[in-house]
Amino acid sequence: MTPRVYQSGELDRSGNISKCGDKLMRHALFEAANSHLRISRKWSTLRAWGVKLAKRTGMEKACVAVARKLAVIMHRMWIEETDFRFGREPVAAAA
């Protein structure tokens, strides 16, 4: 889920999402991010980040950004064989 890039000598533009990778995977990630941002009632740090981003850039761009971040999180979960953490783990007090 990377942006399409147009570069020339003077211009450097990031455009819409590129069509690299599997179409169905991109669609599933976008739908998961969309439902996480708009429908889900449970709060998470990912959702907080997405809502804050949506206020700045718009909901569709925020959904794509959350979808990309969700893909990275799911890959890490798969590698480490862990569950999704909705919040941050408490920081242990240094003794």
C-alpha atoms as a PDB file:
ATOM      1  CA  MET A   1       0.000   0.000   0.000  1.00  0.00           C
ATOM      2  CA  THR A   2       2.372   2.630  -1.282  1.00  0.00           C
ATOM      3  CA  PRO A   3       1.551   5.902  -3.041  1.00  0.00           C
ATOM      4  CA  ARG A   4       2.154   6.266  -6.745  1.00  0.00           C
ATOM      5  CA  VAL A   5       5.102   8.612  -7.273  1.00  0.00           C
ATOM      6  CA  TYR A   6       5.679  10.992 -10.171  1.00  0.00           C
ATOM      7  CA  GLN A   7       9.134  12.522 -10.276  1.00  0.00           C
ATOM      8  CA  SER A   8      10.862  14.712 -12.807  1.00  0.00           C
ATOM      9  CA  GLY A   9      13.664  17.223 -12.542  1.00  0.00           C
ATOM     10  CA  GLU A  10      11.508  19.809 -10.788  1.00  0.00           C
ATOM     11  CA  LEU A  11       8.405  17.954  -9.589  1.00  0.00           C
ATOM     12  CA  ASP A  12       7.975  15.334  -6.906  1.00  0.00           C
ATOM     13  CA  ARG A  13       4.349  14.300  -6.419  1.00  0.00           C
ATOM     14  CA  SER A  14       2.843  11.511  -4.372  1.00  0.00           C
ATOM     15  CA  GLY A  15      -0.426  10.395  -5.909  1.00  0.00           C
ATOM     16  CA  ASN A  16      -3.075   7.785  -5.292  1.00  0.00           C
ATOM     17  CA  ILE A  17      -2.317   4.309  -4.027  1.00  0.00           C
ATOM     18  CA  SER A  18      -0.298   2.256  -6.501  1.00  0.00           C
ATOM     19  CA  LYS A  19      -1.622  -0.998  -7.925  1.00  0.00           C
ATOM     20  CA  CYS A  20       1.311  -3.087  -6.701  1.00  0.00           C
ATOM     21  CA  GLY A  21       0.454  -6.380  -5.067  1.00  0.00           C
ATOM     22  CA  ASP A  22      -2.731  -8.411  -4.898  1.00  0.00           C
ATOM     23  CA  LYS A  23      -5.935  -6.471  -5.610  1.00  0.00           C
ATOM     24  CA  LEU A  24      -8.034  -8.494  -3.171  1.00  0.00           C
ATOM     25  CA  MET A  25      -5.489  -7.985  -0.371  1.00  0.00           C
ATOM     26  CA  ARG A  26      -5.489  -4.218  -0.922  1.00  0.00           C
ATOM     27  CA  HIS A  27      -9.291  -4.244  -0.883  1.00  0.00           C
ATOM     28  CA  ALA A  28      -9.466  -6.349   2.296  1.00  0.00           C
ATOM     29  CA  LEU A  29      -6.945  -4.120   4.087  1.00  0.00           C
ATOM     30  CA  PHE A  30      -8.832  -0.979   3.092  1.00  0.00           C
ATOM     31  CA  GLU A  31     -12.153  -2.434   4.253  1.00  0.00           C
ATOM     32  CA  ALA A  32     -10.632  -3.512   7.570  1.00  0.00           C
ATOM     33  CA  ALA A  33      -9.154  -0.057   8.123  1.00  0.00           C
ATOM     34  CA  ASN A  34     -12.409   1.599   7.105  1.00  0.00           C
ATOM     35  CA  SER A  35     -14.453  -0.463   9.552  1.00  0.00           C
ATOM     36  CA  HIS A  36     -11.859   0.027  12.300  1.00  0.00           C
ATOM     37  CA  LEU A  37     -12.029   3.809  11.888  1.00  0.00           C
ATOM     38  CA  ARG A  38     -15.746   4.281  11.282  1.00  0.00           C
ATOM     39  CA  ILE A  39     -17.676   1.349  12.781  1.00  0.00           C
ATOM     40  CA  SER A  40     -15.644  -0.079  15.633  1.00  0.00           C
ATOM     41  CA  ARG A  41     -16.581   1.177  19.098  1.00  0.00           C
ATOM     42  CA  LYS A  42     -13.485  -0.137  20.871  1.00  0.00           C
ATOM     43  CA  TRP A  43     -10.740   2.469  21.092  1.00  0.00           C
ATOM     44  CA  SER A  44      -7.149   1.658  20.141  1.00  0.00           C
ATOM     45  CA  THR A  45      -3.968   3.598  19.565  1.00  0.00           C
ATOM     46  CA  LEU A  46      -4.250   2.747  15.847  1.00  0.00           C
ATOM     47  CA  ARG A  47      -7.751   4.200  15.700  1.00  0.00           C
ATOM     48  CA  ALA A  48      -6.699   7.312  17.643  1.00  0.00           C
ATOM     49  CA  TRP A  49      -3.850   7.871  15.184  1.00  0.00           C
ATOM     50  CA  GLY A  50      -6.195   7.365  12.210  1.00  0.00           C
ATOM     51  CA  VAL A  51      -8.855   9.756  13.513  1.00  0.00           C
ATOM     52  CA  LYS A  52      -6.222  12.412  14.193  1.00  0.00           C
ATOM     53  CA  LEU A  53      -4.868  11.943  10.676  1.00  0.00           C
ATOM     54  CA  ALA A  54      -8.380  12.069   9.175  1.00  0.00           C
ATOM     55  CA  LYS A  55      -8.953  15.504  10.677  1.00  0.00           C
ATOM     56  CA  ARG A  56      -5.839  16.767   8.886  1.00  0.00           C
ATOM     57  CA  THR A  57      -5.932  14.983   5.530  1.00  0.00           C
ATOM     58  CA  GLY A  58      -9.420  13.546   5.042  1.00  0.00           C
ATOM     59  CA  MET A  59     -11.026  10.210   5.800  1.00  0.00           C
ATOM     60  CA  GLU A  60     -10.072   8.344   2.618  1.00  0.00           C
ATOM     61  CA  LYS A  61      -6.359   9.128   2.882  1.00  0.00           C
ATOM     62  CA  ALA A  62      -6.491   8.232   6.560  1.00  0.00           C
ATOM     63  CA  CYS A  63      -8.108   4.874   5.718  1.00  0.00           C
ATOM     64  CA  VAL A  64      -5.298   4.090   3.286  1.00  0.00           C
ATOM     65  CA  ALA A  65      -2.677   5.091   5.859  1.00  0.00           C
ATOM     66  CA  VAL A  66      -4.349   2.958   8.545  1.00  0.00           C
ATOM     67  CA  ALA A  67      -4.593   0.051   6.076  1.00  0.00           C
ATOM     68  CA  ARG A  68      -0.852   0.232   5.420  1.00  0.00           C
ATOM     69  CA  LYS A  69      -0.092   0.460   9.122  1.00  0.00           C
ATOM     70  CA  LEU A  70      -2.481  -2.439   9.771  1.00  0.00           C
ATOM     71  CA  ALA A  71      -0.614  -4.543   7.202  1.00  0.00           C
ATOM     72  CA  VAL A  72       2.679  -3.839   8.974  1.00  0.00           C
ATOM     73  CA  ILE A  73       1.147  -4.681  12.375  1.00  0.00           C
ATOM     74  CA  MET A  74      -0.403  -7.912  11.071  1.00  0.00           C
ATOM     75  CA  HIS A  75       2.903  -8.978   9.520  1.00  0.00           C
ATOM     76  CA  ARG A  76       4.653  -8.369  12.843  1.00  0.00           C
ATOM     77  CA  MET A  77       1.919 -10.299  14.685  1.00  0.00           C
ATOM     78  CA  TRP A  78       2.387 -13.198  12.274  1.00  0.00           C
ATOM     79  CA  ILE A  79       6.174 -13.251  12.736  1.00  0.00           C
ATOM     80  CA  GLU A  80       6.021 -12.965  16.546  1.00  0.00           C
ATOM     81  CA  GLU A  81       2.857 -15.128  16.885  1.00  0.00           C
ATOM     82  CA  THR A  82       1.101 -12.575  19.122  1.00  0.00           C
ATOM     83  CA  ASP A  83      -2.403 -11.105  19.403  1.00  0.00           C
ATOM     84  CA  PHE A  84      -3.479  -7.573  18.518  1.00  0.00           C
ATOM     85  CA  ARG A  85      -3.030  -5.149  21.436  1.00  0.00           C
ATOM     86  CA  PHE A  86      -5.673  -2.427  21.459  1.00  0.00           C
ATOM     87  CA  GLY A  87      -3.699  -0.167  23.793  1.00  0.00           C
ATOM     88  CA  ARG A  88      -0.115   0.296  24.762  1.00  0.00           C
ATOM     89  CA  GLU A  89       1.465  -1.923  27.356  1.00  0.00           C
ATOM     90  CA  PRO A  90       2.116  -0.189  30.681  1.00  0.00           C
ATOM     91  CA  VAL A  91       5.662   1.042  31.034  1.00  0.00           C
ATOM     92  CA  ALA A  92       7.447  -0.591  33.969  1.00  0.00           C
ATOM     93  CA  ALA A  93       8.712   1.904  36.526  1.00  0.00           C
ATOM     94  CA  ALA A  94      12.479   2.047  36.668  1.00  0.00           C
ATOM     95  CA  ALA A  95      13.592   0.963  40.134  1.00  0.00           C
END
